[in-house]
């Protein structure tokens, strides 16, 4: 099912241009460690997935973030409609200290990136190898995040559920919990859903 020009050139150019604009702004406003967020990794990895028309890369990023992106959207809608939400993923979107440009770019990012991944899967099919590949990638990213980033930033919730580090467990024990919870409760259900929604990529 793969081959050249299965995806429209305008999609590749538009998505790439958006990433080129966003990356320096994100770097300046949030610092390089921010690119360890799973959503940011997926944003960047979708560029080669588009140009190479790689079902495996697009499928892996879809397993990584589609459920989390849906949770982000629910979080934002709750904040806009009722003024609060139980998830907290989009809390910065209503924070007066967040710049307007970051809010606009973030909204386009968190809606456009998952929509683009779904488009790619609809055209190229879903590669079942994505699940084990994403589990290994997530474990590497979580360990790197845990070792080298500021716990107060709580990137990928590697230090606690929500905005702040937790203190009920030791940091290492909590990290192990996250490394189990993500594959079981996020990646496997997403893999199961995508396997049934899209044709199998051979």
C-alpha atoms as a PDB file:
ATOM      1  CA  UNK A   1       0.000   0.000   0.000  1.00  0.00           C
ATOM      2  CA  UNK A   2       2.984   2.327   0.336  1.00  0.00           C
ATOM      3  CA  UNK A   3       4.434   4.269  -2.543  1.00  0.00           C
ATOM      4  CA  UNK A   4       5.259   7.784  -3.688  1.00  0.00           C
ATOM      5  CA  UNK A   5       2.621  10.498  -3.855  1.00  0.00           C
ATOM      6  CA  UNK A   6      -0.069   8.693  -1.912  1.00  0.00           C
ATOM      7  CA  UNK A   7      -0.235  11.732   0.371  1.00  0.00           C
ATOM      8  CA  UNK A   8      -0.843  15.179  -1.167  1.00  0.00           C
ATOM      9  CA  UNK A   9       2.167  17.434  -1.482  1.00  0.00           C
ATOM     10  CA  UNK A  10       0.248  20.400  -0.038  1.00  0.00           C
ATOM     11  CA  UNK A  11      -0.291  18.464   3.206  1.00  0.00           C
ATOM     12  CA  UNK A  12       3.410  17.687   3.479  1.00  0.00           C
ATOM     13  CA  UNK A  13       4.403  21.291   2.790  1.00  0.00           C
ATOM     14  CA  UNK A  14       1.792  22.840   5.082  1.00  0.00           C
ATOM     15  CA  UNK A  15       2.579  20.540   8.011  1.00  0.00           C
ATOM     16  CA  UNK A  16       6.326  21.013   7.572  1.00  0.00           C
ATOM     17  CA  UNK A  17       5.976  24.795   7.392  1.00  0.00           C
ATOM     18  CA  UNK A  18       3.962  24.802  10.617  1.00  0.00           C
ATOM     19  CA  UNK A  19       6.639  22.770  12.424  1.00  0.00           C
ATOM     20  CA  UNK A  20       9.378  25.082  11.111  1.00  0.00           C
ATOM     21  CA  UNK A  21       7.488  28.060  12.559  1.00  0.00           C
ATOM     22  CA  UNK A  22       6.624  26.386  15.856  1.00  0.00           C
ATOM     23  CA  UNK A  23       9.978  24.839  16.825  1.00  0.00           C
ATOM     24  CA  UNK A  24      11.987  28.058  17.408  1.00  0.00           C
ATOM     25  CA  UNK A  25       9.082  29.637  19.284  1.00  0.00           C
ATOM     26  CA  UNK A  26       8.714  26.558  21.500  1.00  0.00           C
ATOM     27  CA  UNK A  27      12.486  26.494  22.057  1.00  0.00           C
ATOM     28  CA  UNK A  28      12.574  30.146  23.136  1.00  0.00           C
ATOM     29  CA  UNK A  29       9.404  30.043  25.268  1.00  0.00           C
ATOM     30  CA  UNK A  30       9.726  26.571  26.833  1.00  0.00           C
ATOM     31  CA  UNK A  31      13.330  25.442  26.443  1.00  0.00           C
ATOM     32  CA  UNK A  32      14.764  22.371  24.696  1.00  0.00           C
ATOM     33  CA  UNK A  33      13.568  19.915  27.376  1.00  0.00           C
ATOM     34  CA  UNK A  34       9.991  20.649  26.308  1.00  0.00           C
ATOM     35  CA  UNK A  35      10.603  18.590  23.164  1.00  0.00           C
ATOM     36  CA  UNK A  36      10.697  15.459  25.317  1.00  0.00           C
ATOM     37  CA  UNK A  37       6.927  15.632  25.723  1.00  0.00           C
ATOM     38  CA  UNK A  38       5.393  12.727  23.815  1.00  0.00           C
ATOM     39  CA  UNK A  39       3.189  15.130  21.892  1.00  0.00           C
ATOM     40  CA  UNK A  40       6.199  17.187  20.781  1.00  0.00           C
ATOM     41  CA  UNK A  41       8.048  14.054  19.708  1.00  0.00           C
ATOM     42  CA  UNK A  42       5.008  13.036  17.678  1.00  0.00           C
ATOM     43  CA  UNK A  43       4.759  16.515  16.159  1.00  0.00           C
ATOM     44  CA  UNK A  44       8.360  16.312  14.924  1.00  0.00           C
ATOM     45  CA  UNK A  45       8.248  12.653  13.877  1.00  0.00           C
ATOM     46  CA  UNK A  46       5.164  13.237  11.752  1.00  0.00           C
ATOM     47  CA  UNK A  47       7.274  15.322   9.359  1.00  0.00           C
ATOM     48  CA  UNK A  48       9.413  12.370   8.166  1.00  0.00           C
ATOM     49  CA  UNK A  49       6.342  10.123   8.392  1.00  0.00           C
ATOM     50  CA  UNK A  50       4.681  12.369   5.802  1.00  0.00           C
ATOM     51  CA  UNK A  51       7.623  12.758   3.449  1.00  0.00           C
ATOM     52  CA  UNK A  52       8.664   9.099   3.624  1.00  0.00           C
ATOM     53  CA  UNK A  53       5.039   7.982   3.638  1.00  0.00           C
ATOM     54  CA  UNK A  54       5.951   5.697   6.514  1.00  0.00           C
ATOM     55  CA  UNK A  55       3.003   3.842   7.984  1.00  0.00           C
ATOM     56  CA  UNK A  56       5.199   2.435  10.756  1.00  0.00           C
ATOM     57  CA  UNK A  57       6.323   5.866  11.944  1.00  0.00           C
ATOM     58  CA  UNK A  58       2.838   7.359  11.705  1.00  0.00           C
ATOM     59  CA  UNK A  59       1.323   4.326  13.442  1.00  0.00           C
ATOM     60  CA  UNK A  60       3.860   4.496  16.262  1.00  0.00           C
ATOM     61  CA  UNK A  61       3.189   8.184  16.877  1.00  0.00           C
ATOM     62  CA  UNK A  62      -0.555   7.515  16.751  1.00  0.00           C
ATOM     63  CA  UNK A  63      -0.268   4.863  19.445  1.00  0.00           C
ATOM     64  CA  UNK A  64       1.798   7.309  21.482  1.00  0.00           C
ATOM     65  CA  UNK A  65      -0.477  10.326  21.444  1.00  0.00           C
ATOM     66  CA  UNK A  66      -3.973   9.909  20.030  1.00  0.00           C
ATOM     67  CA  UNK A  67      -5.619   9.044  23.350  1.00  0.00           C
ATOM     68  CA  UNK A  68      -3.607  11.745  25.132  1.00  0.00           C
ATOM     69  CA  UNK A  69      -4.502  14.332  22.488  1.00  0.00           C
ATOM     70  CA  UNK A  70      -8.175  13.476  22.910  1.00  0.00           C
ATOM     71  CA  UNK A  71      -7.733  13.972  26.665  1.00  0.00           C
ATOM     72  CA  UNK A  72      -6.084  17.356  25.968  1.00  0.00           C
ATOM     73  CA  UNK A  73      -9.058  18.411  23.858  1.00  0.00           C
ATOM     74  CA  UNK A  74     -11.511  17.322  26.565  1.00  0.00           C
ATOM     75  CA  UNK A  75      -9.439  19.231  29.115  1.00  0.00           C
ATOM     76  CA  UNK A  76      -9.542  22.399  27.008  1.00  0.00           C
ATOM     77  CA  UNK A  77     -13.275  22.150  26.309  1.00  0.00           C
ATOM     78  CA  UNK A  78     -14.023  21.660  30.014  1.00  0.00           C
ATOM     79  CA  UNK A  79     -12.009  24.747  30.874  1.00  0.00           C
ATOM     80  CA  UNK A  80     -13.717  26.825  28.205  1.00  0.00           C
ATOM     81  CA  UNK A  81     -17.242  25.609  28.956  1.00  0.00           C
ATOM     82  CA  UNK A  82     -17.318  25.147  32.736  1.00  0.00           C
ATOM     83  CA  UNK A  83     -14.168  26.910  33.900  1.00  0.00           C
ATOM     84  CA  UNK A  84     -12.310  23.874  35.244  1.00  0.00           C
ATOM     85  CA  UNK A  85     -11.446  20.308  34.364  1.00  0.00           C
ATOM     86  CA  UNK A  86     -10.352  17.130  36.168  1.00  0.00           C
ATOM     87  CA  UNK A  87      -7.473  16.360  33.782  1.00  0.00           C
ATOM     88  CA  UNK A  88      -5.375  19.513  33.773  1.00  0.00           C
ATOM     89  CA  UNK A  89      -3.575  18.870  30.489  1.00  0.00           C
ATOM     90  CA  UNK A  90      -4.702  22.167  28.963  1.00  0.00           C
ATOM     91  CA  UNK A  91      -4.431  24.319  32.094  1.00  0.00           C
ATOM     92  CA  UNK A  92      -1.866  26.603  30.450  1.00  0.00           C
ATOM     93  CA  UNK A  93      -4.368  27.498  27.710  1.00  0.00           C
ATOM     94  CA  UNK A  94      -6.399  29.586  30.141  1.00  0.00           C
ATOM     95  CA  UNK A  95      -3.400  30.865  32.126  1.00  0.00           C
ATOM     96  CA  UNK A  96      -3.075  34.647  31.637  1.00  0.00           C
ATOM     97  CA  UNK A  97       0.724  34.255  31.746  1.00  0.00           C
ATOM     98  CA  UNK A  98       0.675  32.083  28.608  1.00  0.00           C
ATOM     99  CA  UNK A  99       1.303  34.248  25.565  1.00  0.00           C
ATOM    100  CA  UNK A 100      -1.348  34.508  22.873  1.00  0.00           C
ATOM    101  CA  UNK A 101       0.992  33.126  20.218  1.00  0.00           C
ATOM    102  CA  UNK A 102       1.645  30.019  22.312  1.00  0.00           C
ATOM    103  CA  UNK A 103      -2.081  29.483  22.816  1.00  0.00           C
ATOM    104  CA  UNK A 104      -2.820  29.753  19.096  1.00  0.00           C
ATOM    105  CA  UNK A 105       0.101  27.566  18.051  1.00  0.00           C
ATOM    106  CA  UNK A 106      -0.754  25.025  20.730  1.00  0.00           C
ATOM    107  CA  UNK A 107      -4.380  24.830  19.609  1.00  0.00           C
ATOM    108  CA  UNK A 108      -3.351  24.241  15.988  1.00  0.00           C
ATOM    109  CA  UNK A 109      -0.698  21.762  17.138  1.00  0.00           C
ATOM    110  CA  UNK A 110      -2.972  19.634  19.324  1.00  0.00           C
ATOM    111  CA  UNK A 111      -5.776  19.501  16.772  1.00  0.00           C
ATOM    112  CA  UNK A 112      -3.818  19.417  13.517  1.00  0.00           C
ATOM    113  CA  UNK A 113      -1.201  16.837  14.448  1.00  0.00           C
ATOM    114  CA  UNK A 114      -3.595  14.016  15.469  1.00  0.00           C
ATOM    115  CA  UNK A 115      -5.848  14.825  12.495  1.00  0.00           C
ATOM    116  CA  UNK A 116      -2.826  14.508  10.203  1.00  0.00           C
ATOM    117  CA  UNK A 117      -1.836  11.169  11.734  1.00  0.00           C
ATOM    118  CA  UNK A 118      -5.349   9.805  11.233  1.00  0.00           C
ATOM    119  CA  UNK A 119      -5.252  10.947   7.606  1.00  0.00           C
ATOM    120  CA  UNK A 120      -1.951   9.119   7.062  1.00  0.00           C
ATOM    121  CA  UNK A 121      -3.331   5.925   8.586  1.00  0.00           C
ATOM    122  CA  UNK A 122      -6.448   6.147   6.432  1.00  0.00           C
ATOM    123  CA  UNK A 123      -4.255   6.284   3.329  1.00  0.00           C
ATOM    124  CA  UNK A 124      -1.341   4.018   4.252  1.00  0.00           C
ATOM    125  CA  UNK A 125      -2.975   1.670   6.751  1.00  0.00           C
ATOM    126  CA  UNK A 126      -2.029   0.842  10.344  1.00  0.00           C
ATOM    127  CA  UNK A 127       1.208  -1.036  11.053  1.00  0.00           C
ATOM    128  CA  UNK A 128       0.757  -3.466  13.961  1.00  0.00           C
ATOM    129  CA  UNK A 129       4.457  -3.253  14.831  1.00  0.00           C
ATOM    130  CA  UNK A 130       3.738   0.206  16.242  1.00  0.00           C
ATOM    131  CA  UNK A 131       2.699  -1.076  19.675  1.00  0.00           C
ATOM    132  CA  UNK A 132       5.975  -2.750  20.748  1.00  0.00           C
ATOM    133  CA  UNK A 133       8.001  -0.011  19.100  1.00  0.00           C
ATOM    134  CA  UNK A 134       6.164   2.727  20.990  1.00  0.00           C
ATOM    135  CA  UNK A 135       6.466   0.888  24.304  1.00  0.00           C
ATOM    136  CA  UNK A 136      10.250   0.728  23.929  1.00  0.00           C
ATOM    137  CA  UNK A 137      10.415   4.350  22.784  1.00  0.00           C
ATOM    138  CA  UNK A 138       8.252   5.495  25.702  1.00  0.00           C
ATOM    139  CA  UNK A 139      10.420   3.695  28.234  1.00  0.00           C
ATOM    140  CA  UNK A 140      13.542   5.359  26.815  1.00  0.00           C
ATOM    141  CA  UNK A 141      11.932   8.802  26.794  1.00  0.00           C
ATOM    142  CA  UNK A 142      10.586   8.402  30.332  1.00  0.00           C
ATOM    143  CA  UNK A 143      13.973   7.380  31.710  1.00  0.00           C
ATOM    144  CA  UNK A 144      15.701  10.279  29.929  1.00  0.00           C
ATOM    145  CA  UNK A 145      13.012  12.651  31.197  1.00  0.00           C
ATOM    146  CA  UNK A 146      13.369  11.334  34.749  1.00  0.00           C
ATOM    147  CA  UNK A 147      17.166  11.588  34.721  1.00  0.00           C
ATOM    148  CA  UNK A 148      17.719  14.901  32.983  1.00  0.00           C
ATOM    149  CA  UNK A 149      14.733  17.229  33.402  1.00  0.00           C
ATOM    150  CA  UNK A 150      13.444  19.428  36.202  1.00  0.00           C
ATOM    151  CA  UNK A 151      10.864  17.540  38.312  1.00  0.00           C
ATOM    152  CA  UNK A 152       8.918  20.781  38.786  1.00  0.00           C
ATOM    153  CA  UNK A 153       8.199  20.837  35.033  1.00  0.00           C
ATOM    154  CA  UNK A 154       6.914  17.246  35.303  1.00  0.00           C
ATOM    155  CA  UNK A 155       7.410  16.472  31.621  1.00  0.00           C
ATOM    156  CA  UNK A 156       5.366  13.448  30.520  1.00  0.00           C
ATOM    157  CA  UNK A 157       4.102  13.274  34.106  1.00  0.00           C
ATOM    158  CA  UNK A 158       7.248  11.298  34.886  1.00  0.00           C
ATOM    159  CA  UNK A 159       7.288  12.683  38.432  1.00  0.00           C
ATOM    160  CA  UNK A 160       3.597  12.770  39.302  1.00  0.00           C
ATOM    161  CA  UNK A 161       0.064  12.776  37.890  1.00  0.00           C
ATOM    162  CA  UNK A 162      -0.757  16.336  36.922  1.00  0.00           C
ATOM    163  CA  UNK A 163       1.207  19.527  37.180  1.00  0.00           C
ATOM    164  CA  UNK A 164       3.241  18.720  40.302  1.00  0.00           C
ATOM    165  CA  UNK A 165       5.523  15.876  41.430  1.00  0.00           C
ATOM    166  CA  UNK A 166       3.946  13.305  43.727  1.00  0.00           C
ATOM    167  CA  UNK A 167       5.316  12.271  47.134  1.00  0.00           C
ATOM    168  CA  UNK A 168       3.310   9.154  47.980  1.00  0.00           C
ATOM    169  CA  UNK A 169       5.867   6.850  46.304  1.00  0.00           C
ATOM    170  CA  UNK A 170       9.583   7.117  45.819  1.00  0.00           C
ATOM    171  CA  UNK A 171      10.413   8.831  42.510  1.00  0.00           C
ATOM    172  CA  UNK A 172      11.835   5.613  41.054  1.00  0.00           C
ATOM    173  CA  UNK A 173       8.812   3.542  42.099  1.00  0.00           C
ATOM    174  CA  UNK A 174       6.461   6.080  40.569  1.00  0.00           C
ATOM    175  CA  UNK A 175       8.436   6.011  37.318  1.00  0.00           C
ATOM    176  CA  UNK A 176       7.994   2.240  37.138  1.00  0.00           C
ATOM    177  CA  UNK A 177       4.256   2.681  37.663  1.00  0.00           C
ATOM    178  CA  UNK A 178       4.090   5.118  34.733  1.00  0.00           C
ATOM    179  CA  UNK A 179       6.092   2.715  32.569  1.00  0.00           C
ATOM    180  CA  UNK A 180       3.447   0.065  33.229  1.00  0.00           C
ATOM    181  CA  UNK A 181       0.352   2.259  33.101  1.00  0.00           C
ATOM    182  CA  UNK A 182       1.072   3.829  29.711  1.00  0.00           C
ATOM    183  CA  UNK A 183       1.375   0.548  27.757  1.00  0.00           C
ATOM    184  CA  UNK A 184      -1.557  -1.128  29.523  1.00  0.00           C
ATOM    185  CA  UNK A 185      -4.082   1.707  29.725  1.00  0.00           C
ATOM    186  CA  UNK A 186      -3.056   4.030  26.871  1.00  0.00           C
ATOM    187  CA  UNK A 187      -1.055   2.238  24.183  1.00  0.00           C
ATOM    188  CA  UNK A 188      -2.820  -1.117  24.107  1.00  0.00           C
ATOM    189  CA  UNK A 189      -6.376   0.344  23.859  1.00  0.00           C
ATOM    190  CA  UNK A 190      -5.202   2.757  21.156  1.00  0.00           C
ATOM    191  CA  UNK A 191      -3.543  -0.093  19.248  1.00  0.00           C
ATOM    192  CA  UNK A 192      -6.718  -2.177  19.519  1.00  0.00           C
ATOM    193  CA  UNK A 193      -8.863   0.680  18.234  1.00  0.00           C
ATOM    194  CA  UNK A 194      -6.566   1.581  15.346  1.00  0.00           C
ATOM    195  CA  UNK A 195      -6.269  -2.072  14.324  1.00  0.00           C
ATOM    196  CA  UNK A 196     -10.015  -2.124  13.777  1.00  0.00           C
ATOM    197  CA  UNK A 197     -10.444   1.350  12.303  1.00  0.00           C
ATOM    198  CA  UNK A 198      -7.835   1.179   9.540  1.00  0.00           C
ATOM    199  CA  UNK A 199      -6.682  -1.370   6.975  1.00  0.00           C
ATOM    200  CA  UNK A 200      -3.674  -3.454   7.880  1.00  0.00           C
ATOM    201  CA  UNK A 201      -0.399  -2.183   6.483  1.00  0.00           C
ATOM    202  CA  UNK A 202       1.645  -5.028   4.960  1.00  0.00           C
END
